[in-house]
Amino acid sequence: MTKASIQAVAQEAGVSVSTVSRTFAKPDLVLPETRDKVMAAAEKLDYSISRSAAALKSGQSFRIALLASETITTWFNSNIFAGLDSVLRPAGYDTVPYPMRNAGERQAFFADLPVRRNADAVVVSSFNIEPSEVERLKHMHVPIIGINIPSNEGFDAGVSIDDRSATRSAIEHLIALGHRHIAFVGGETIVTSMKYSAEARLQGLLDAAAAHPDVEVTHLQVPRNENEASAVLNAVLTAPANITAFCFEDDQMALPALFRLRQYGRQVPQDVSIVGFDDLDLAQAVGLTTLHQDPFAMGAAAGQMALDAIAGKPIEPAFQRPDALLMLRETTAPPRA
């Protein structure tokens, strides 16, 4: 079958050749309705963008797409990227990050991929994918690897901690110390079709509370934006006075609260205990009790899974579950009598 030309795509879409070229090279400069017409024509004619001679010869792009739930500059995502790159670059692959801010961007990525054909595998970090999106990649024989995903459904392989049981272990530690009024501080609940792995952390708190009828838990929600640190501090300072321990969704919330509480004369852990999640480099330096995860190691493991899947090798085990260990340091203690 003769490969469709860019001229054929332009004719099918009713646009100029330069518009077709611009749609693939700089899609943000093309009107959405025009872009949709070009993409539909390209998919109908089975047209894909030319790559390097090596890529054309092998039928590969030598690129791995990393779909991340936030900007690539966050602690978690930057370490995931570094871990992937440590394995993929020596094997001749580039890792290309795609920040996904909402379900629409995720859907657009999977809609465009069959036409662009610019990834040999897709790595999804920290959120779910829909069955229709999975089908598009299965048709192209592009493996999907997950990192800290809410569910394994639709993925070929993955490496994820158990956010729910990890958080429960932290709450059980606080309960064992004698705390009976515990608050979980996390981001605001947003109604969306995107499901994030970190959402399971709140459930870990609720699981622990259900097992201990004498324990009262409070959920404090704060907006995750540039004013997050101030919002977190305000939530903690205005929380019910009987709360003696705070479990934070992540260290990014816990660390500023730790510093600011001390400025307000609240002693940690004498007045309140604090637990974080992630174990950032600063957490150890300041003695924050937190749950440890290693995104670099998870990225490296996912990178090897991607290489094995591309090569058609079996992945054993297909889904890995590294431990998220509770690092006991200086910010937890029994409540005052």
Protein backbone atom coordinates (compact mmCIF):
# COMPACT_ATOMS: atom_id res chain seq x y z
CA MET A 1 0.00 0.00 0.00
CA THR A 2 1.41 3.40 -1.01
CA LYS A 3 2.07 5.71 1.92
CA ALA A 4 -0.20 8.77 1.89
CA SER A 5 1.52 12.06 1.08
CA ILE A 6 1.16 15.36 2.89
CA GLN A 7 -0.47 16.70 -0.30
CA ALA A 8 -3.15 14.00 -0.09
CA VAL A 9 -3.87 14.92 3.53
CA ALA A 10 -4.13 18.60 2.59
CA GLN A 11 -6.58 17.79 -0.21
CA GLU A 12 -8.68 15.53 2.02
CA ALA A 13 -8.86 18.19 4.77
CA GLY A 14 -9.43 21.06 2.34
CA VAL A 15 -6.42 23.04 3.57
CA SER A 16 -2.97 23.97 2.30
CA VAL A 17 0.12 21.79 2.63
CA SER A 18 1.67 24.40 4.91
CA THR A 19 -1.34 24.15 7.23
CA VAL A 20 -0.92 20.38 7.46
CA SER A 21 2.78 20.83 8.24
CA ARG A 22 2.02 23.48 10.87
CA THR A 23 -0.62 21.24 12.47
CA PHE A 24 1.99 18.61 13.19
CA ALA A 25 4.93 20.89 13.97
CA LYS A 26 3.17 23.64 15.96
CA PRO A 27 -0.42 22.57 16.66
CA ASP A 28 -0.95 25.44 19.12
CA LEU A 29 -0.76 27.86 16.17
CA VAL A 30 -3.62 26.19 14.31
CA LEU A 31 -7.31 26.80 14.98
CA PRO A 32 -8.87 23.84 16.83
CA GLU A 33 -11.46 23.16 14.11
CA THR A 34 -8.75 23.20 11.42
CA ARG A 35 -6.50 20.99 13.51
CA ASP A 36 -9.33 18.49 13.98
CA LYS A 37 -9.96 18.34 10.20
CA VAL A 38 -6.27 17.73 9.48
CA MET A 39 -5.98 15.04 12.16
CA ALA A 40 -9.11 13.29 10.90
CA ALA A 41 -7.80 13.32 7.32
CA ALA A 42 -4.38 12.06 8.40
CA GLU A 43 -5.89 9.22 10.40
CA LYS A 44 -8.22 8.28 7.53
CA LEU A 45 -5.28 8.13 5.09
CA ASP A 46 -2.96 6.45 7.62
CA TYR A 47 -0.51 9.33 7.35
CA SER A 48 2.28 9.82 9.87
CA ILE A 49 5.10 12.34 10.17
CA SER A 50 8.49 11.37 8.76
CA ARG A 51 11.22 10.78 11.33
CA SER A 52 14.95 10.15 11.08
CA ALA A 53 16.32 7.55 8.69
CA ALA A 54 16.94 5.18 11.59
CA ALA A 55 13.37 5.59 12.77
CA LEU A 56 11.99 5.01 9.30
CA LYS A 57 14.10 1.91 8.85
CA SER A 58 13.09 0.36 12.17
CA GLY A 59 9.55 1.68 12.33
CA GLN A 60 10.35 3.18 15.73
CA SER A 61 10.48 6.77 16.93
CA PHE A 62 13.02 6.06 19.73
CA ARG A 63 10.91 8.23 22.02
CA ILE A 64 9.09 7.33 25.21
CA ALA A 65 6.23 9.64 26.23
CA LEU A 66 5.96 10.50 29.94
CA LEU A 67 2.47 11.69 30.90
CA ALA A 68 2.80 13.49 34.23
CA SER A 69 -0.02 14.87 36.38
CA GLU A 70 1.80 18.13 37.12
CA THR A 71 4.71 20.13 35.78
CA ILE A 72 7.88 18.12 35.24
CA THR A 73 9.73 20.36 37.72
CA THR A 74 8.04 18.92 40.84
CA TRP A 75 10.18 16.75 43.12
CA PHE A 76 8.32 13.58 42.21
CA ASN A 77 8.15 14.12 38.45
CA SER A 78 11.73 15.33 38.08
CA ASN A 79 12.98 12.21 39.86
CA ILE A 80 10.68 9.98 37.77
CA PHE A 81 12.13 11.60 34.64
CA ALA A 82 15.71 11.14 35.86
CA GLY A 83 15.06 7.48 36.66
CA LEU A 84 13.52 6.83 33.25
CA ASP A 85 16.36 8.64 31.49
CA SER A 86 19.01 6.65 33.38
CA VAL A 87 17.71 3.49 31.68
CA LEU A 88 16.28 4.74 28.39
CA ARG A 89 19.03 7.08 27.20
CA PRO A 90 21.77 4.39 27.23
CA ALA A 91 19.38 2.25 25.16
CA GLY A 92 19.02 5.03 22.58
CA TYR A 93 15.64 6.42 23.62
CA ASP A 94 14.61 9.95 24.51
CA THR A 95 12.05 10.62 27.25
CA VAL A 96 9.55 13.31 26.27
CA PRO A 97 7.40 14.75 29.09
CA TYR A 98 3.76 15.71 28.52
CA PRO A 99 2.23 17.53 31.53
CA MET A 100 -1.46 16.64 31.83
CA ARG A 101 -3.48 19.29 33.67
CA ASN A 102 -6.91 17.80 32.98
CA ALA A 103 -8.78 14.96 31.29
CA GLY A 104 -9.18 16.99 28.08
CA GLU A 105 -5.41 17.21 27.60
CA ARG A 106 -5.05 13.51 28.30
CA GLN A 107 -7.77 12.64 25.79
CA ALA A 108 -6.18 14.91 23.16
CA PHE A 109 -2.83 13.16 23.58
CA PHE A 110 -4.31 9.71 22.97
CA ALA A 111 -6.39 11.02 20.06
CA ASP A 112 -3.35 12.50 18.31
CA LEU A 113 -0.87 9.69 18.98
CA PRO A 114 -2.14 7.30 16.26
CA VAL A 115 -1.47 10.03 13.69
CA ARG A 116 1.76 11.40 15.08
CA ARG A 117 3.17 7.96 15.95
CA ASN A 118 5.91 9.70 17.91
CA ALA A 119 6.24 7.33 20.86
CA ASP A 120 7.22 3.69 21.13
CA ALA A 121 5.81 3.41 24.66
CA VAL A 122 3.78 5.60 26.99
CA VAL A 123 4.55 5.98 30.70
CA VAL A 124 1.68 7.35 32.78
CA SER A 125 2.51 8.80 36.19
CA SER A 126 0.02 9.12 39.06
CA PHE A 127 -3.35 9.09 37.25
CA ASN A 128 -5.76 6.78 35.45
CA ILE A 129 -6.48 6.21 31.76
CA GLU A 130 -9.80 5.42 30.07
CA PRO A 131 -10.61 2.19 28.16
CA SER A 132 -11.01 4.09 24.87
CA GLU A 133 -7.51 5.54 25.28
CA VAL A 134 -6.09 2.09 25.96
CA GLU A 135 -7.67 0.73 22.78
CA ARG A 136 -5.94 3.34 20.64
CA LEU A 137 -2.54 2.26 21.90
CA LYS A 138 -3.31 -1.46 21.73
CA HIS A 139 -4.20 -1.02 18.05
CA MET A 140 -0.78 0.59 17.51
CA HIS A 141 1.03 -2.02 19.64
CA VAL A 142 2.33 0.74 21.92
CA PRO A 143 2.80 -0.53 25.51
CA ILE A 144 1.48 1.50 28.46
CA ILE A 145 3.52 1.49 31.67
CA GLY A 146 2.24 3.00 34.91
CA ILE A 147 3.98 4.67 37.84
CA ASN A 148 1.96 5.18 41.04
CA ILE A 149 -1.30 4.57 39.21
CA PRO A 150 -4.70 4.33 40.97
CA SER A 151 -5.47 1.03 39.20
CA ASN A 152 -3.57 -1.45 37.03
CA GLU A 153 -6.51 -1.73 34.63
CA GLY A 154 -5.46 -1.00 31.05
CA PHE A 155 -1.73 -1.02 31.76
CA ASP A 156 0.76 -3.55 30.45
CA ALA A 157 3.01 -3.18 33.48
CA GLY A 158 3.69 -0.77 36.31
CA VAL A 159 5.38 0.10 39.57
CA SER A 160 3.33 1.72 42.32
CA ILE A 161 3.42 2.16 46.06
CA ASP A 162 0.26 1.47 48.07
CA ASP A 163 -0.72 5.01 49.11
CA ARG A 164 -3.68 3.76 51.12
CA SER A 165 -1.87 1.24 53.29
CA ALA A 166 1.13 3.54 53.66
CA THR A 167 -0.99 6.35 55.07
CA ARG A 168 -2.77 3.90 57.32
CA SER A 169 0.59 2.83 58.77
CA ALA A 170 1.33 6.47 59.64
CA ILE A 171 -2.07 6.89 61.32
CA GLU A 172 -1.63 3.64 63.24
CA HIS A 173 1.68 5.01 64.51
CA LEU A 174 -0.04 8.17 65.76
CA ILE A 175 -2.79 6.11 67.40
CA ALA A 176 -0.20 3.91 69.09
CA LEU A 177 1.38 7.05 70.52
CA GLY A 178 -1.97 7.94 72.11
CA HIS A 179 -3.44 10.43 69.62
CA ARG A 180 -7.23 10.24 69.35
CA HIS A 181 -7.98 13.44 67.41
CA ILE A 182 -6.14 13.43 64.09
CA ALA A 183 -6.49 15.66 61.02
CA PHE A 184 -5.59 14.88 57.41
CA VAL A 185 -4.49 17.94 55.42
CA GLY A 186 -4.81 17.57 51.65
CA GLY A 187 -5.75 19.33 48.44
CA GLU A 188 -9.30 20.36 47.67
CA THR A 189 -11.51 17.70 46.12
CA ILE A 190 -12.06 18.58 42.45
CA VAL A 191 -14.78 16.90 40.40
CA THR A 192 -13.03 15.45 37.34
CA SER A 193 -12.73 12.22 35.38
CA MET A 194 -9.04 12.18 36.27
CA LYS A 195 -8.33 9.85 39.19
CA TYR A 196 -5.07 10.40 41.06
CA SER A 197 -3.14 7.88 43.14
CA ALA A 198 -2.64 10.34 46.02
CA GLU A 199 -6.41 10.41 46.60
CA ALA A 200 -6.06 6.99 48.24
CA ARG A 201 -4.10 8.54 51.10
CA LEU A 202 -7.23 10.00 52.67
CA GLN A 203 -8.81 6.55 52.53
CA GLY A 204 -5.89 5.19 54.55
CA LEU A 205 -6.80 7.62 57.32
CA LEU A 206 -10.45 6.54 57.20
CA ASP A 207 -9.46 2.86 57.30
CA ALA A 208 -7.47 3.40 60.48
CA ALA A 209 -10.28 5.38 62.08
CA ALA A 210 -12.79 2.65 61.22
CA ALA A 211 -10.62 0.15 63.08
CA HIS A 212 -10.45 2.40 66.16
CA PRO A 213 -13.92 3.68 67.17
CA ASP A 214 -12.42 5.97 69.82
CA VAL A 215 -10.43 7.89 67.19
CA GLU A 216 -11.90 11.05 65.63
CA VAL A 217 -10.58 12.22 62.28
CA THR A 218 -10.94 15.57 60.51
CA HIS A 219 -10.35 16.26 56.82
CA LEU A 220 -8.87 19.71 56.14
CA GLN A 221 -8.88 20.72 52.46
CA VAL A 222 -6.74 23.50 51.01
CA PRO A 223 -6.36 24.85 47.44
CA ARG A 224 -3.17 23.71 45.69
CA ASN A 225 -1.89 26.95 44.20
CA GLU A 226 0.75 29.62 44.80
CA ASN A 227 -0.88 30.45 48.17
CA GLU A 228 -0.82 26.85 49.36
CA ALA A 229 1.63 27.35 52.24
CA SER A 230 -0.44 30.13 53.79
CA ALA A 231 -3.67 28.17 53.28
CA VAL A 232 -2.16 25.11 54.98
CA LEU A 233 -0.97 27.16 57.97
CA ASN A 234 -4.37 28.82 58.31
CA ALA A 235 -6.12 25.44 58.18
CA VAL A 236 -3.88 24.06 60.91
CA LEU A 237 -4.09 27.14 63.16
CA THR A 238 -7.89 27.29 62.91
CA ALA A 239 -8.45 23.53 63.27
CA PRO A 240 -10.40 22.30 66.33
CA ALA A 241 -8.31 22.74 69.47
CA ASN A 242 -8.55 19.05 70.42
CA ILE A 243 -6.56 17.91 67.36
CA THR A 244 -3.14 16.72 68.49
CA ALA A 245 -1.73 15.32 65.24
CA PHE A 246 -1.73 16.33 61.59
CA CYS A 247 -1.06 13.95 58.70
CA PHE A 248 -0.25 15.83 55.48
CA GLU A 249 -0.87 14.65 51.94
CA ASP A 250 2.79 15.31 51.13
CA ASP A 251 5.98 16.90 52.45
CA GLN A 252 5.39 19.94 50.25
CA MET A 253 2.54 20.78 52.63
CA ALA A 254 4.10 19.47 55.83
CA LEU A 255 7.47 21.24 55.71
CA PRO A 256 6.21 24.86 55.48
CA ALA A 257 3.66 24.11 58.19
CA LEU A 258 6.41 22.75 60.44
CA PHE A 259 8.49 25.92 60.11
CA ARG A 260 5.57 28.33 60.39
CA LEU A 261 3.99 26.63 63.42
CA ARG A 262 7.19 27.12 65.36
CA GLN A 263 7.13 30.81 64.41
CA TYR A 264 3.64 30.99 65.93
CA GLY A 265 4.83 29.44 69.18
CA ARG A 266 3.42 25.96 68.56
CA GLN A 267 5.95 23.32 69.57
CA VAL A 268 6.37 20.21 67.43
CA PRO A 269 5.98 17.48 68.63
CA GLN A 270 5.17 18.70 72.17
CA ASP A 271 1.98 20.56 71.15
CA VAL A 272 1.17 18.75 67.90
CA SER A 273 2.66 15.86 65.98
CA ILE A 274 3.26 16.11 62.22
CA VAL A 275 3.61 13.38 59.57
CA GLY A 276 4.41 14.00 55.89
CA PHE A 277 4.55 11.87 52.77
CA ASP A 278 7.36 11.51 50.16
CA ASP A 279 10.56 12.02 52.19
CA LEU A 280 12.03 15.00 50.36
CA ASP A 281 15.72 15.70 50.95
CA LEU A 282 14.82 18.47 53.40
CA ALA A 283 12.59 16.13 55.42
CA GLN A 284 15.54 14.20 56.81
CA ALA A 285 17.50 17.38 57.49
CA VAL A 286 14.75 18.86 59.69
CA GLY A 287 13.71 15.59 61.30
CA LEU A 288 10.25 15.26 59.72
CA THR A 289 8.51 11.97 60.35
CA THR A 290 7.28 10.97 56.90
CA LEU A 291 6.55 8.13 54.50
CA HIS A 292 9.41 7.38 52.12
CA GLN A 293 9.07 6.69 48.42
CA ASP A 294 11.80 6.56 45.77
CA PRO A 295 10.56 8.03 42.45
CA PHE A 296 14.00 7.68 40.82
CA ALA A 297 14.00 3.92 41.43
CA MET A 298 10.38 3.67 40.24
CA GLY A 299 11.29 5.60 37.08
CA ALA A 300 14.24 3.31 36.41
CA ALA A 301 12.05 0.22 36.91
CA ALA A 302 9.39 1.62 34.57
CA GLY A 303 12.06 2.41 31.98
CA GLN A 304 13.24 -1.20 31.95
CA MET A 305 9.62 -2.39 31.71
CA ALA A 306 9.13 -0.15 28.67
CA LEU A 307 12.25 -1.53 26.97
CA ASP A 308 11.19 -5.13 27.66
CA ALA A 309 7.67 -4.47 26.38
CA ILE A 310 8.96 -2.85 23.18
CA ALA A 311 11.24 -5.84 22.61
CA GLY A 312 8.38 -8.28 23.24
CA LYS A 313 10.04 -9.73 26.33
CA PRO A 314 7.95 -10.98 29.27
CA ILE A 315 7.88 -8.65 32.29
CA GLU A 316 8.04 -10.54 35.58
CA PRO A 317 6.44 -9.40 37.73
CA ALA A 318 4.40 -7.12 35.50
CA PHE A 319 3.28 -5.01 38.46
CA GLN A 320 5.72 -4.16 41.22
CA ARG A 321 4.73 -2.82 44.66
CA PRO A 322 7.70 -1.23 46.46
CA ASP A 323 7.22 -0.45 50.14
CA ALA A 324 6.56 3.09 51.34
CA LEU A 325 8.30 2.94 54.71
CA LEU A 326 7.44 5.18 57.65
CA MET A 327 10.57 7.13 58.62
CA LEU A 328 10.28 7.82 62.36
CA ARG A 329 12.07 11.06 63.21
CA GLU A 330 11.49 14.03 65.49
CA THR A 331 8.02 15.41 64.70
CA THR A 332 5.86 12.73 66.33
CA ALA A 333 5.45 12.05 70.05
CA PRO A 334 2.69 11.15 72.52
CA PRO A 335 0.17 13.98 73.09
CA ARG A 336 0.38 16.08 76.21
CA ALA A 337 -1.38 14.53 79.15
